[in-house]
Amino acid sequence: MVSPRPPLARVSGRAGQNASVNSDSRSAPRTSPPPALWGRLALPAGLLAAVGGAFAYVGTVDPNEPGHYPVCPLYRLTGLYCPGCGGLRSAHAFVHGDFLAALQDNAMGVAAYLGFAVLWTVWVVRAVRGRPVRIELGRVQMWSVGALLLVFTVLRNLPGGGWLHP
């Protein structure tokens, strides 16, 4: 004797095709509860520890003394300053509270440090509130950042852009 099968429900699919679905699968999808607060803060805390460790190292090992860090390959080959040139000296000055020297070494680096601090704070606040973090940059924003870095790089390599040299 053949055992009876459960009744099948018909659900219309795309382009007039029919799909069969078991009628017992009508229950609502199960959602898991949100992770605990410490679970939501683990990733931002880990990132802050990594960035803090990097800043502590650069603050301890002075990039102004030769031999500690490699020379920028673009500067070594061409004599041109890239957007990151002076970033380590800028971070070293920033750690020691010399913000004017940090700006003089790499103004875009200081802007990046402050931008990171703002984004990290927004991330933590949203994590505490249980909301997801979504940073969606469109084409206009991405092209704007690229254009800003290009203008910064060109200006710091022009004869009149000596105030942007590291």
N, C-alpha and C. Protein backbone atom coordinates (compact mmCIF):
# COMPACT_ATOMS: atom_id res chain seq x y z
N MET A 1 0.83 -1.17 0.00
CA MET A 1 0.00 0.00 0.00
C MET A 1 0.89 1.24 0.00
N VAL A 2 0.50 2.25 -0.72
CA VAL A 2 1.26 3.49 -0.87
C VAL A 2 0.74 4.49 0.16
N SER A 3 1.68 5.15 0.87
CA SER A 3 1.27 6.14 1.86
C SER A 3 0.80 7.41 1.16
N PRO A 4 -0.21 8.07 1.70
CA PRO A 4 -0.73 9.27 1.05
C PRO A 4 0.25 10.43 1.19
N ARG A 5 0.34 11.28 0.17
CA ARG A 5 1.20 12.46 0.17
C ARG A 5 0.41 13.65 0.68
N PRO A 6 1.08 14.60 1.33
CA PRO A 6 0.36 15.80 1.76
C PRO A 6 -0.10 16.59 0.55
N PRO A 7 -1.21 17.30 0.68
CA PRO A 7 -1.71 18.06 -0.46
C PRO A 7 -0.73 19.16 -0.86
N LEU A 8 -0.64 19.44 -2.15
CA LEU A 8 0.24 20.48 -2.67
C LEU A 8 -0.57 21.71 -3.02
N ALA A 9 -0.01 22.85 -2.77
CA ALA A 9 -0.66 24.11 -3.13
C ALA A 9 0.02 24.65 -4.36
N ARG A 10 -0.72 25.26 -5.21
CA ARG A 10 -0.17 25.85 -6.42
C ARG A 10 0.13 27.33 -6.18
N VAL A 11 1.33 27.73 -6.56
CA VAL A 11 1.74 29.14 -6.47
C VAL A 11 2.21 29.54 -7.85
N SER A 12 1.65 30.62 -8.33
CA SER A 12 2.06 31.04 -9.68
C SER A 12 3.44 31.64 -9.63
N GLY A 13 4.24 31.32 -10.63
CA GLY A 13 5.62 31.81 -10.69
C GLY A 13 5.75 32.85 -11.78
N ARG A 14 6.97 33.06 -12.25
CA ARG A 14 7.24 34.05 -13.28
C ARG A 14 6.81 33.52 -14.64
N ALA A 15 6.40 34.38 -15.47
CA ALA A 15 6.07 34.12 -16.88
C ALA A 15 5.06 32.99 -17.02
N GLY A 16 4.08 32.92 -16.14
CA GLY A 16 3.01 31.96 -16.26
C GLY A 16 3.36 30.56 -15.83
N GLN A 17 4.55 30.33 -15.30
CA GLN A 17 4.94 29.01 -14.84
C GLN A 17 4.36 28.79 -13.45
N ASN A 18 4.03 27.57 -13.14
CA ASN A 18 3.51 27.23 -11.82
C ASN A 18 4.55 26.46 -11.05
N ALA A 19 4.64 26.76 -9.77
CA ALA A 19 5.56 26.05 -8.91
C ALA A 19 4.76 25.37 -7.82
N SER A 20 5.13 24.18 -7.46
CA SER A 20 4.44 23.47 -6.41
C SER A 20 5.14 23.71 -5.10
N VAL A 21 4.36 23.95 -4.06
CA VAL A 21 4.90 24.20 -2.74
C VAL A 21 4.12 23.35 -1.76
N ASN A 22 4.80 22.79 -0.80
CA ASN A 22 4.14 22.00 0.23
C ASN A 22 3.31 22.92 1.09
N SER A 23 2.06 22.57 1.35
CA SER A 23 1.17 23.45 2.11
C SER A 23 1.57 23.56 3.57
N ASP A 24 2.43 22.65 4.04
CA ASP A 24 2.87 22.69 5.44
C ASP A 24 3.93 23.76 5.66
N SER A 25 4.47 24.37 4.61
CA SER A 25 5.56 25.34 4.75
C SER A 25 5.05 26.77 4.77
N ARG A 26 3.86 26.97 5.31
CA ARG A 26 3.30 28.32 5.34
C ARG A 26 3.66 29.08 6.60
N SER A 27 4.44 28.53 7.48
CA SER A 27 4.79 29.22 8.72
C SER A 27 5.72 30.39 8.42
N ALA A 28 5.66 31.36 9.29
CA ALA A 28 6.48 32.57 9.12
C ALA A 28 7.95 32.23 9.32
N PRO A 29 8.85 32.91 8.61
CA PRO A 29 10.28 32.65 8.80
C PRO A 29 10.71 33.05 10.20
N ARG A 30 11.60 32.27 10.73
CA ARG A 30 12.09 32.54 12.09
C ARG A 30 13.22 33.56 12.02
N THR A 31 13.18 34.52 12.91
CA THR A 31 14.25 35.51 12.98
C THR A 31 14.98 35.33 14.30
N SER A 32 16.27 35.45 14.25
CA SER A 32 17.05 35.30 15.47
C SER A 32 17.10 36.63 16.20
N PRO A 33 17.18 36.59 17.51
CA PRO A 33 17.25 37.85 18.25
C PRO A 33 18.56 38.56 17.96
N PRO A 34 18.58 39.88 18.09
CA PRO A 34 19.83 40.60 17.83
C PRO A 34 20.89 40.19 18.85
N PRO A 35 22.16 40.23 18.44
CA PRO A 35 23.22 39.84 19.36
C PRO A 35 23.30 40.79 20.56
N ALA A 36 23.92 40.31 21.60
CA ALA A 36 24.08 41.12 22.80
C ALA A 36 24.94 42.35 22.49
N LEU A 37 24.87 43.33 23.39
CA LEU A 37 25.59 44.58 23.18
C LEU A 37 27.08 44.34 22.98
N TRP A 38 27.68 43.48 23.78
CA TRP A 38 29.13 43.23 23.63
C TRP A 38 29.43 42.60 22.29
N GLY A 39 28.51 41.82 21.75
CA GLY A 39 28.70 41.23 20.43
C GLY A 39 28.64 42.27 19.32
N ARG A 40 27.77 43.25 19.50
CA ARG A 40 27.66 44.32 18.49
C ARG A 40 28.84 45.27 18.55
N LEU A 41 29.49 45.38 19.70
CA LEU A 41 30.61 46.30 19.86
C LEU A 41 31.97 45.64 19.65
N ALA A 42 31.99 44.33 19.44
CA ALA A 42 33.27 43.62 19.31
C ALA A 42 34.06 44.10 18.10
N LEU A 43 33.43 44.21 16.95
CA LEU A 43 34.15 44.63 15.74
C LEU A 43 34.64 46.08 15.81
N PRO A 44 33.79 47.04 16.23
CA PRO A 44 34.33 48.39 16.36
C PRO A 44 35.45 48.49 17.39
N ALA A 45 35.34 47.73 18.48
CA ALA A 45 36.39 47.75 19.50
C ALA A 45 37.69 47.16 18.96
N GLY A 46 37.57 46.08 18.19
CA GLY A 46 38.77 45.48 17.59
C GLY A 46 39.45 46.41 16.60
N LEU A 47 38.64 47.09 15.79
CA LEU A 47 39.21 48.04 14.83
C LEU A 47 39.88 49.20 15.55
N LEU A 48 39.25 49.70 16.61
CA LEU A 48 39.86 50.79 17.37
C LEU A 48 41.17 50.34 18.02
N ALA A 49 41.21 49.11 18.50
CA ALA A 49 42.45 48.59 19.10
C ALA A 49 43.56 48.50 18.06
N ALA A 50 43.22 48.05 16.84
CA ALA A 50 44.22 47.94 15.78
C ALA A 50 44.74 49.31 15.36
N VAL A 51 43.83 50.26 15.17
CA VAL A 51 44.24 51.61 14.77
C VAL A 51 45.02 52.28 15.90
N GLY A 52 44.55 52.09 17.13
CA GLY A 52 45.27 52.64 18.28
C GLY A 52 46.66 52.06 18.41
N GLY A 53 46.79 50.76 18.16
CA GLY A 53 48.11 50.13 18.20
C GLY A 53 49.04 50.68 17.13
N ALA A 54 48.49 50.90 15.93
CA ALA A 54 49.31 51.47 14.85
C ALA A 54 49.76 52.89 15.20
N PHE A 55 48.84 53.69 15.74
CA PHE A 55 49.20 55.05 16.12
C PHE A 55 50.21 55.04 17.28
N ALA A 56 50.06 54.10 18.20
CA ALA A 56 51.01 54.01 19.32
C ALA A 56 52.41 53.66 18.80
N TYR A 57 52.48 52.75 17.84
CA TYR A 57 53.77 52.38 17.28
C TYR A 57 54.42 53.56 16.57
N VAL A 58 53.63 54.25 15.72
CA VAL A 58 54.18 55.41 15.00
C VAL A 58 54.52 56.53 15.96
N GLY A 59 53.77 56.65 17.05
CA GLY A 59 54.09 57.65 18.06
C GLY A 59 55.37 57.34 18.81
N THR A 60 55.70 56.05 18.91
CA THR A 60 56.91 55.64 19.64
C THR A 60 58.14 55.65 18.74
N VAL A 61 57.99 55.13 17.52
CA VAL A 61 59.11 55.03 16.59
C VAL A 61 59.03 56.23 15.64
N ASP A 62 59.91 57.18 15.84
CA ASP A 62 59.87 58.46 15.11
C ASP A 62 60.21 58.28 13.63
N PRO A 63 59.27 58.63 12.73
CA PRO A 63 59.57 58.51 11.30
C PRO A 63 60.52 59.59 10.79
N ASN A 64 60.82 60.60 11.61
CA ASN A 64 61.76 61.64 11.21
C ASN A 64 63.20 61.15 11.28
N GLU A 65 63.44 60.07 12.00
CA GLU A 65 64.79 59.49 12.07
C GLU A 65 64.94 58.48 10.94
N PRO A 66 66.00 58.59 10.15
CA PRO A 66 66.15 57.68 9.01
C PRO A 66 66.37 56.23 9.45
N GLY A 67 65.91 55.33 8.60
CA GLY A 67 66.15 53.91 8.84
C GLY A 67 65.00 53.16 9.50
N HIS A 68 64.01 53.85 10.02
CA HIS A 68 62.91 53.15 10.68
C HIS A 68 61.82 52.72 9.72
N TYR A 69 61.56 53.50 8.70
CA TYR A 69 60.48 53.22 7.76
C TYR A 69 61.03 53.33 6.35
N PRO A 70 60.44 52.61 5.39
CA PRO A 70 60.92 52.74 4.01
C PRO A 70 60.51 54.08 3.40
N VAL A 71 61.28 54.51 2.42
CA VAL A 71 60.97 55.74 1.70
C VAL A 71 59.84 55.44 0.70
N CYS A 72 58.98 56.41 0.47
CA CYS A 72 57.89 56.25 -0.50
C CYS A 72 58.49 55.88 -1.86
N PRO A 73 58.02 54.78 -2.47
CA PRO A 73 58.60 54.38 -3.76
C PRO A 73 58.38 55.41 -4.86
N LEU A 74 57.23 56.07 -4.88
CA LEU A 74 56.99 57.09 -5.90
C LEU A 74 57.96 58.25 -5.73
N TYR A 75 58.17 58.67 -4.50
CA TYR A 75 59.09 59.78 -4.24
C TYR A 75 60.52 59.36 -4.60
N ARG A 76 60.89 58.14 -4.26
CA ARG A 76 62.25 57.67 -4.54
C ARG A 76 62.51 57.60 -6.05
N LEU A 77 61.52 57.15 -6.82
CA LEU A 77 61.72 56.99 -8.27
C LEU A 77 61.54 58.28 -9.05
N THR A 78 60.59 59.13 -8.63
CA THR A 78 60.27 60.30 -9.44
C THR A 78 60.54 61.64 -8.76
N GLY A 79 60.65 61.64 -7.46
CA GLY A 79 60.80 62.90 -6.73
C GLY A 79 59.47 63.61 -6.51
N LEU A 80 58.35 62.95 -6.86
CA LEU A 80 57.02 63.52 -6.67
C LEU A 80 56.41 63.01 -5.37
N TYR A 81 55.65 63.89 -4.73
CA TYR A 81 54.96 63.50 -3.50
C TYR A 81 53.60 62.89 -3.83
N CYS A 82 53.32 61.71 -3.29
CA CYS A 82 52.01 61.09 -3.48
C CYS A 82 51.07 61.63 -2.38
N PRO A 83 49.78 61.31 -2.41
CA PRO A 83 48.89 61.82 -1.38
C PRO A 83 49.23 61.31 0.02
N GLY A 84 49.93 60.18 0.10
CA GLY A 84 50.28 59.63 1.41
C GLY A 84 51.63 60.08 1.94
N CYS A 85 52.43 60.73 1.12
CA CYS A 85 53.76 61.17 1.57
C CYS A 85 53.63 62.09 2.78
N GLY A 86 54.37 61.81 3.80
CA GLY A 86 54.32 62.58 5.04
C GLY A 86 53.27 62.08 6.00
N GLY A 87 52.57 61.02 5.64
CA GLY A 87 51.51 60.50 6.50
C GLY A 87 52.02 59.97 7.83
N LEU A 88 53.16 59.29 7.81
CA LEU A 88 53.72 58.78 9.08
C LEU A 88 54.21 59.92 9.96
N ARG A 89 54.86 60.90 9.36
CA ARG A 89 55.30 62.07 10.15
C ARG A 89 54.09 62.82 10.70
N SER A 90 53.02 62.89 9.88
CA SER A 90 51.80 63.54 10.32
C SER A 90 51.17 62.79 11.49
N ALA A 91 51.11 61.47 11.40
CA ALA A 91 50.55 60.66 12.49
C ALA A 91 51.40 60.81 13.76
N HIS A 92 52.72 60.84 13.59
CA HIS A 92 53.61 61.00 14.75
C HIS A 92 53.36 62.34 15.44
N ALA A 93 53.26 63.40 14.66
CA ALA A 93 52.99 64.72 15.23
C ALA A 93 51.59 64.76 15.85
N PHE A 94 50.63 64.13 15.23
CA PHE A 94 49.26 64.09 15.74
C PHE A 94 49.21 63.40 17.10
N VAL A 95 49.91 62.28 17.22
CA VAL A 95 49.94 61.54 18.49
C VAL A 95 50.55 62.39 19.59
N HIS A 96 51.54 63.18 19.25
CA HIS A 96 52.22 64.02 20.25
C HIS A 96 51.54 65.37 20.44
N GLY A 97 50.39 65.57 19.80
CA GLY A 97 49.62 66.79 20.03
C GLY A 97 50.07 68.00 19.25
N ASP A 98 51.00 67.82 18.33
CA ASP A 98 51.48 68.93 17.51
C ASP A 98 50.65 68.97 16.22
N PHE A 99 49.45 69.53 16.33
CA PHE A 99 48.49 69.49 15.23
C PHE A 99 48.91 70.35 14.04
N LEU A 100 49.60 71.45 14.29
CA LEU A 100 50.08 72.29 13.19
C LEU A 100 51.12 71.53 12.36
N ALA A 101 52.04 70.85 13.02
CA ALA A 101 53.04 70.05 12.29
C ALA A 101 52.37 68.90 11.55
N ALA A 102 51.34 68.32 12.15
CA ALA A 102 50.61 67.23 11.49
C ALA A 102 49.94 67.74 10.22
N LEU A 103 49.35 68.91 10.28
CA LEU A 103 48.74 69.50 9.09
C LEU A 103 49.78 69.83 8.03
N GLN A 104 50.94 70.32 8.44
CA GLN A 104 51.98 70.66 7.49
C GLN A 104 52.57 69.41 6.83
N ASP A 105 52.66 68.30 7.57
CA ASP A 105 53.22 67.07 7.01
C ASP A 105 52.27 66.42 6.02
N ASN A 106 50.99 66.36 6.33
CA ASN A 106 50.01 65.78 5.42
C ASN A 106 48.61 66.20 5.86
N ALA A 107 48.10 67.24 5.24
CA ALA A 107 46.78 67.77 5.60
C ALA A 107 45.68 66.76 5.31
N MET A 108 45.80 66.00 4.22
CA MET A 108 44.78 65.00 3.91
C MET A 108 44.81 63.87 4.94
N GLY A 109 45.97 63.58 5.47
CA GLY A 109 46.06 62.56 6.52
C GLY A 109 45.30 62.99 7.76
N VAL A 110 45.46 64.24 8.17
CA VAL A 110 44.72 64.75 9.33
C VAL A 110 43.22 64.70 9.07
N ALA A 111 42.81 65.05 7.86
CA ALA A 111 41.39 64.97 7.51
C ALA A 111 40.91 63.51 7.58
N ALA A 112 41.76 62.59 7.17
CA ALA A 112 41.40 61.16 7.24
C ALA A 112 41.30 60.69 8.69
N TYR A 113 42.21 61.15 9.56
CA TYR A 113 42.13 60.75 10.98
C TYR A 113 40.81 61.23 11.58
N LEU A 114 40.47 62.48 11.30
CA LEU A 114 39.24 63.04 11.86
C LEU A 114 38.00 62.37 11.24
N GLY A 115 38.06 62.08 9.96
CA GLY A 115 36.95 61.37 9.30
C GLY A 115 36.76 59.98 9.90
N PHE A 116 37.88 59.29 10.17
CA PHE A 116 37.79 57.98 10.80
C PHE A 116 37.14 58.09 12.17
N ALA A 117 37.54 59.09 12.95
CA ALA A 117 36.97 59.27 14.29
C ALA A 117 35.47 59.50 14.23
N VAL A 118 35.02 60.30 13.29
CA VAL A 118 33.58 60.56 13.15
C VAL A 118 32.84 59.29 12.73
N LEU A 119 33.34 58.60 11.71
CA LEU A 119 32.68 57.38 11.24
C LEU A 119 32.67 56.30 12.32
N TRP A 120 33.76 56.15 13.04
CA TRP A 120 33.82 55.15 14.11
C TRP A 120 32.80 55.48 15.20
N THR A 121 32.68 56.77 15.56
CA THR A 121 31.71 57.17 16.59
C THR A 121 30.28 56.89 16.13
N VAL A 122 29.97 57.18 14.89
CA VAL A 122 28.64 56.88 14.35
C VAL A 122 28.39 55.38 14.38
N TRP A 123 29.40 54.60 14.04
CA TRP A 123 29.29 53.14 14.05
C TRP A 123 28.96 52.64 15.46
N VAL A 124 29.68 53.13 16.46
CA VAL A 124 29.46 52.69 17.84
C VAL A 124 28.08 53.10 18.33
N VAL A 125 27.67 54.33 18.06
CA VAL A 125 26.35 54.78 18.50
C VAL A 125 25.26 53.93 17.87
N ARG A 126 25.38 53.66 16.59
CA ARG A 126 24.37 52.82 15.92
C ARG A 126 24.41 51.39 16.44
N ALA A 127 25.59 50.88 16.75
CA ALA A 127 25.68 49.52 17.30
C ALA A 127 25.03 49.44 18.67
N VAL A 128 25.23 50.45 19.51
CA VAL A 128 24.61 50.48 20.83
C VAL A 128 23.09 50.51 20.70
N ARG A 129 22.60 51.24 19.74
CA ARG A 129 21.15 51.34 19.53
C ARG A 129 20.58 50.14 18.78
N GLY A 130 21.43 49.23 18.32
CA GLY A 130 20.98 48.05 17.62
C GLY A 130 20.62 48.28 16.17
N ARG A 131 21.13 49.34 15.59
CA ARG A 131 20.83 49.66 14.19
C ARG A 131 22.03 49.29 13.32
N PRO A 132 21.77 48.87 12.10
CA PRO A 132 22.90 48.54 11.21
C PRO A 132 23.59 49.81 10.72
N VAL A 133 24.85 49.65 10.40
CA VAL A 133 25.63 50.77 9.86
C VAL A 133 25.69 50.60 8.35
N ARG A 134 25.25 51.60 7.65
CA ARG A 134 25.30 51.57 6.19
C ARG A 134 25.89 52.86 5.69
N ILE A 135 27.03 52.74 5.09
CA ILE A 135 27.67 53.89 4.47
C ILE A 135 27.66 53.62 2.98
N GLU A 136 26.83 54.32 2.30
CA GLU A 136 26.68 54.12 0.88
C GLU A 136 27.14 55.38 0.14
N LEU A 137 28.30 55.26 -0.47
CA LEU A 137 28.82 56.37 -1.25
C LEU A 137 28.46 56.13 -2.72
N GLY A 138 27.86 57.11 -3.31
CA GLY A 138 27.50 57.02 -4.72
C GLY A 138 28.66 57.41 -5.61
N ARG A 139 28.39 57.43 -6.88
CA ARG A 139 29.44 57.79 -7.84
C ARG A 139 29.93 59.21 -7.64
N VAL A 140 29.02 60.12 -7.35
CA VAL A 140 29.41 61.52 -7.18
C VAL A 140 30.38 61.66 -6.01
N GLN A 141 30.07 61.00 -4.89
CA GLN A 141 30.95 61.10 -3.72
C GLN A 141 32.30 60.45 -3.99
N MET A 142 32.30 59.29 -4.64
CA MET A 142 33.57 58.62 -4.92
C MET A 142 34.43 59.44 -5.89
N TRP A 143 33.81 59.98 -6.94
CA TRP A 143 34.56 60.82 -7.86
C TRP A 143 35.05 62.09 -7.19
N SER A 144 34.26 62.62 -6.27
CA SER A 144 34.68 63.83 -5.54
C SER A 144 35.90 63.56 -4.68
N VAL A 145 35.91 62.43 -3.99
CA VAL A 145 37.08 62.07 -3.17
C VAL A 145 38.30 61.88 -4.06
N GLY A 146 38.12 61.18 -5.18
CA GLY A 146 39.24 60.99 -6.11
C GLY A 146 39.76 62.30 -6.67
N ALA A 147 38.84 63.21 -7.02
CA ALA A 147 39.25 64.51 -7.55
C ALA A 147 39.97 65.33 -6.48
N LEU A 148 39.49 65.26 -5.25
CA LEU A 148 40.15 65.98 -4.15
C LEU A 148 41.57 65.47 -3.93
N LEU A 149 41.75 64.15 -3.96
CA LEU A 149 43.10 63.59 -3.81
C LEU A 149 44.00 63.96 -4.98
N LEU A 150 43.44 63.99 -6.18
CA LEU A 150 44.22 64.37 -7.35
C LEU A 150 44.65 65.83 -7.27
N VAL A 151 43.74 66.71 -6.91
CA VAL A 151 44.07 68.14 -6.78
C VAL A 151 45.11 68.34 -5.69
N PHE A 152 44.94 67.65 -4.56
CA PHE A 152 45.92 67.73 -3.48
C PHE A 152 47.31 67.29 -3.95
N THR A 153 47.35 66.18 -4.69
CA THR A 153 48.63 65.67 -5.18
C THR A 153 49.27 66.63 -6.16
N VAL A 154 48.49 67.19 -7.07
CA VAL A 154 49.05 68.12 -8.06
C VAL A 154 49.54 69.39 -7.36
N LEU A 155 48.71 69.94 -6.46
CA LEU A 155 49.10 71.18 -5.78
C LEU A 155 50.38 71.01 -4.96
N ARG A 156 50.52 69.88 -4.28
CA ARG A 156 51.71 69.74 -3.43
C ARG A 156 52.97 69.51 -4.24
N ASN A 157 52.85 69.21 -5.53
CA ASN A 157 54.02 69.01 -6.38
C ASN A 157 54.32 70.21 -7.26
N LEU A 158 53.48 71.24 -7.26
CA LEU A 158 53.75 72.47 -8.01
C LEU A 158 54.76 73.33 -7.24
N PRO A 159 55.48 74.21 -7.96
CA PRO A 159 56.45 75.07 -7.27
C PRO A 159 55.81 75.93 -6.18
N GLY A 160 54.59 76.40 -6.38
CA GLY A 160 53.94 77.23 -5.37
C GLY A 160 53.26 76.44 -4.27
N GLY A 161 53.30 75.12 -4.34
CA GLY A 161 52.64 74.29 -3.34
C GLY A 161 53.57 73.79 -2.26
N GLY A 162 54.64 74.54 -2.03
CA GLY A 162 55.62 74.12 -1.01
C GLY A 162 55.03 74.00 0.39
N TRP A 163 53.96 74.74 0.66
CA TRP A 163 53.33 74.68 1.97
C TRP A 163 52.61 73.34 2.18
N LEU A 164 52.43 72.55 1.09
CA LEU A 164 51.82 71.22 1.22
C LEU A 164 52.85 70.10 1.19
N HIS A 165 54.14 70.45 1.04
CA HIS A 165 55.19 69.42 1.07
C HIS A 165 55.32 68.86 2.48
N PRO A 166 55.62 67.55 2.56
CA PRO A 166 55.86 66.99 3.91
C PRO A 166 57.18 67.46 4.49
